[in-house]
């Protein structure tokens, strides 16, 4: 099933199978990272709305995502509380920082929008893939069901960001740049250490 899921999300490389086992060893760490990922997803959508208020459809589509992502942040906090765990400190996100470094600079506002939409789509796709792994392979049945809900949400967000990119830019331009991101992301996944305390 994993290759099919990766293909569906357009990812070029599946997550290392060791990741789920490592993540389950210290739930406080992975839930902390998950919480901050949801928080950053909400603030990233806010920043897009603030930066491109003239893009009516973008504003309308992302406004409810802000609410949803912040709801996810609160859901992770609640899960930490339920398990008697603590929210740790935010940590450097090497995965996201590498994607930002790969993005094209200096092309103006429109070019920057395309880069950000594709980066956000890629983050959501990889998050969806990893939430699916957690929903299938963690030993805690409650946690499996809990992660399944996040998997479904991230899949929808991934599709939305791709659709917004294709609305505002020529499809051939979007698809070519998307292929470049997918190739880069696969290479990045091979280089990054497999860590159970990171969602990416």
Protein backbone atom coordinates (compact mmCIF):
# COMPACT_ATOMS: atom_id res chain seq x y z
CA UNK A 1 0.00 0.00 0.00
CA UNK A 2 2.82 2.41 0.78
CA UNK A 3 4.09 2.78 -2.82
CA UNK A 4 0.51 3.44 -3.96
CA UNK A 5 0.07 6.13 -1.32
CA UNK A 6 3.34 7.78 -2.24
CA UNK A 7 2.36 7.73 -5.91
CA UNK A 8 -1.07 9.18 -5.14
CA UNK A 9 0.60 12.08 -3.31
CA UNK A 10 3.16 12.44 -6.12
CA UNK A 11 6.01 11.85 -3.67
CA UNK A 12 9.05 10.19 -5.18
CA UNK A 13 10.29 8.39 -2.07
CA UNK A 14 8.41 6.66 0.79
CA UNK A 15 9.27 7.35 4.40
CA UNK A 16 11.90 5.05 5.89
CA UNK A 17 9.94 2.21 7.58
CA UNK A 18 11.97 2.69 10.78
CA UNK A 19 10.39 6.12 11.34
CA UNK A 20 7.10 4.95 12.90
CA UNK A 21 8.87 2.73 15.43
CA UNK A 22 11.23 5.54 16.38
CA UNK A 23 8.35 8.01 16.71
CA UNK A 24 6.38 5.65 18.95
CA UNK A 25 9.29 5.28 21.35
CA UNK A 26 8.81 8.83 22.65
CA UNK A 27 5.32 10.16 22.03
CA UNK A 28 6.03 13.38 23.91
CA UNK A 29 8.68 14.31 21.36
CA UNK A 30 6.70 13.49 18.22
CA UNK A 31 3.53 15.10 19.57
CA UNK A 32 5.48 18.24 20.44
CA UNK A 33 6.83 18.47 16.91
CA UNK A 34 3.38 17.71 15.50
CA UNK A 35 1.88 20.53 17.58
CA UNK A 36 4.31 23.10 16.26
CA UNK A 37 3.81 21.87 12.69
CA UNK A 38 0.09 22.57 13.03
CA UNK A 39 0.78 25.97 14.56
CA UNK A 40 3.13 26.89 11.72
CA UNK A 41 0.61 25.68 9.15
CA UNK A 42 -1.98 28.08 10.57
CA UNK A 43 0.41 31.04 10.64
CA UNK A 44 1.64 30.26 7.11
CA UNK A 45 -1.92 30.49 5.80
CA UNK A 46 -2.40 33.76 7.67
CA UNK A 47 0.77 35.15 6.10
CA UNK A 48 -0.48 34.21 2.62
CA UNK A 49 -3.77 35.99 3.25
CA UNK A 50 -1.95 39.05 4.54
CA UNK A 51 0.48 39.04 1.63
CA UNK A 52 -2.06 38.49 -1.15
CA UNK A 53 -5.40 40.01 -0.05
CA UNK A 54 -6.25 40.80 -3.68
CA UNK A 55 -6.37 37.06 -4.47
CA UNK A 56 -10.03 36.62 -3.56
CA UNK A 57 -10.22 32.85 -3.96
CA UNK A 58 -7.01 32.33 -2.00
CA UNK A 59 -8.39 34.38 0.90
CA UNK A 60 -11.72 32.56 0.89
CA UNK A 61 -10.16 29.11 0.67
CA UNK A 62 -7.43 29.64 3.26
CA UNK A 63 -9.50 31.41 5.92
CA UNK A 64 -11.19 28.18 7.07
CA UNK A 65 -7.86 26.31 6.84
CA UNK A 66 -6.44 28.72 9.44
CA UNK A 67 -9.24 27.74 11.80
CA UNK A 68 -8.80 24.04 11.02
CA UNK A 69 -5.02 24.05 11.53
CA UNK A 70 -5.34 25.93 14.80
CA UNK A 71 -7.94 23.39 15.83
CA UNK A 72 -5.40 20.68 15.06
CA UNK A 73 -2.85 22.45 17.25
CA UNK A 74 -5.35 22.45 20.10
CA UNK A 75 -6.17 18.78 19.45
CA UNK A 76 -2.50 17.86 19.81
CA UNK A 77 -2.27 19.84 23.04
CA UNK A 78 -5.33 17.95 24.31
CA UNK A 79 -3.72 14.63 23.38
CA UNK A 80 -0.57 15.58 25.26
CA UNK A 81 -2.68 16.46 28.30
CA UNK A 82 -4.68 13.25 28.04
CA UNK A 83 -1.49 11.23 28.14
CA UNK A 84 0.10 13.25 30.93
CA UNK A 85 2.75 14.59 28.57
CA UNK A 86 4.19 18.09 28.21
CA UNK A 87 4.59 20.35 25.19
CA UNK A 88 8.32 20.79 24.69
CA UNK A 89 10.19 23.59 23.03
CA UNK A 90 9.93 24.29 19.32
CA UNK A 91 12.85 22.90 17.38
CA UNK A 92 14.54 23.74 14.12
CA UNK A 93 12.76 22.20 11.12
CA UNK A 94 15.56 21.10 8.80
CA UNK A 95 13.11 19.73 6.25
CA UNK A 96 11.13 22.94 5.82
CA UNK A 97 14.24 25.11 5.93
CA UNK A 98 15.78 23.06 3.11
CA UNK A 99 12.66 23.52 0.99
CA UNK A 100 12.76 27.27 1.63
CA UNK A 101 16.44 27.37 0.64
CA UNK A 102 15.55 25.56 -2.60
CA UNK A 103 12.83 28.07 -3.49
CA UNK A 104 13.58 30.62 -6.19
CA UNK A 105 14.30 34.13 -4.95
CA UNK A 106 14.02 37.56 -6.51
CA UNK A 107 11.20 36.99 -8.99
CA UNK A 108 8.70 39.36 -7.42
CA UNK A 109 5.45 38.80 -5.52
CA UNK A 110 3.84 36.49 -8.06
CA UNK A 111 6.85 34.22 -8.35
CA UNK A 112 7.10 34.09 -4.56
CA UNK A 113 3.45 33.05 -4.34
CA UNK A 114 4.00 30.09 -6.65
CA UNK A 115 7.00 28.95 -4.62
CA UNK A 116 5.12 29.20 -1.34
CA UNK A 117 2.05 27.36 -2.63
CA UNK A 118 4.18 24.49 -3.90
CA UNK A 119 6.22 24.30 -0.69
CA UNK A 120 3.04 24.19 1.37
CA UNK A 121 1.59 21.51 -0.92
CA UNK A 122 4.71 19.41 -0.49
CA UNK A 123 4.74 19.76 3.28
CA UNK A 124 1.08 18.71 3.42
CA UNK A 125 1.73 15.73 1.13
CA UNK A 126 4.60 14.45 3.25
CA UNK A 127 2.62 15.06 6.43
CA UNK A 128 -0.29 13.11 4.96
CA UNK A 129 1.99 10.19 4.12
CA UNK A 130 3.44 10.12 7.63
CA UNK A 131 0.09 10.47 9.36
CA UNK A 132 -1.09 7.49 7.32
CA UNK A 133 1.86 5.45 8.55
CA UNK A 134 1.04 6.37 12.13
CA UNK A 135 -2.64 5.51 11.55
CA UNK A 136 -1.66 2.04 10.38
CA UNK A 137 1.35 0.98 12.40
CA UNK A 138 1.43 2.49 15.88
CA UNK A 139 0.47 -0.08 18.51
CA UNK A 140 -2.06 2.17 20.31
CA UNK A 141 -5.47 1.70 18.66
CA UNK A 142 -6.80 5.07 19.87
CA UNK A 143 -3.76 6.81 18.44
CA UNK A 144 -4.21 5.06 15.10
CA UNK A 145 -7.76 6.40 14.80
CA UNK A 146 -6.62 9.83 15.97
CA UNK A 147 -3.92 10.06 13.30
CA UNK A 148 -6.29 8.89 10.57
CA UNK A 149 -8.27 12.13 10.98
CA UNK A 150 -5.11 14.19 10.43
CA UNK A 151 -4.22 12.13 7.36
CA UNK A 152 -7.56 12.94 5.72
CA UNK A 153 -7.23 16.66 6.48
CA UNK A 154 -3.68 16.92 5.15
CA UNK A 155 -4.67 15.23 1.89
CA UNK A 156 -7.30 17.90 1.34
CA UNK A 157 -4.88 20.70 2.09
CA UNK A 158 -2.32 19.27 -0.33
CA UNK A 159 -4.89 19.24 -3.13
CA UNK A 160 -6.03 22.78 -2.30
CA UNK A 161 -2.54 24.28 -2.53
CA UNK A 162 -1.90 22.59 -5.88
CA UNK A 163 -5.25 23.78 -7.20
CA UNK A 164 -4.56 27.36 -6.10
CA UNK A 165 -1.20 27.28 -7.84
CA UNK A 166 -2.86 26.05 -11.06
CA UNK A 167 -5.53 28.73 -10.79
CA UNK A 168 -3.08 31.60 -10.63
CA UNK A 169 -0.30 30.31 -12.89
CA UNK A 170 -0.07 28.42 -16.21
CA UNK A 171 -0.42 24.71 -15.61
CA UNK A 172 2.74 23.82 -17.51
CA UNK A 173 4.76 26.25 -15.37
CA UNK A 174 3.27 24.85 -12.17
CA UNK A 175 3.76 21.23 -13.19
CA UNK A 176 7.38 21.76 -14.23
CA UNK A 177 8.28 23.51 -10.99
CA UNK A 178 6.37 20.88 -9.01
CA UNK A 179 8.47 18.15 -10.61
CA UNK A 180 11.60 20.03 -9.57
CA UNK A 181 10.37 20.24 -5.99
CA UNK A 182 9.47 16.54 -5.93
CA UNK A 183 12.92 15.57 -7.19
CA UNK A 184 14.61 17.82 -4.65
CA UNK A 185 12.42 16.53 -1.81
CA UNK A 186 13.27 12.91 -2.59
CA UNK A 187 16.97 13.74 -2.51
CA UNK A 188 16.46 15.62 0.74
CA UNK A 189 14.66 12.67 2.36
CA UNK A 190 17.63 10.46 1.55
CA UNK A 191 20.03 12.90 3.21
CA UNK A 192 18.11 13.68 6.39
CA UNK A 193 18.64 11.52 9.45
CA UNK A 194 15.66 9.30 10.29
CA UNK A 195 14.44 10.82 13.55
CA UNK A 196 11.48 9.79 15.65
CA UNK A 197 11.13 13.25 17.15
CA UNK A 198 10.31 14.95 13.84
CA UNK A 199 7.19 14.85 11.70
CA UNK A 200 9.33 15.58 8.64
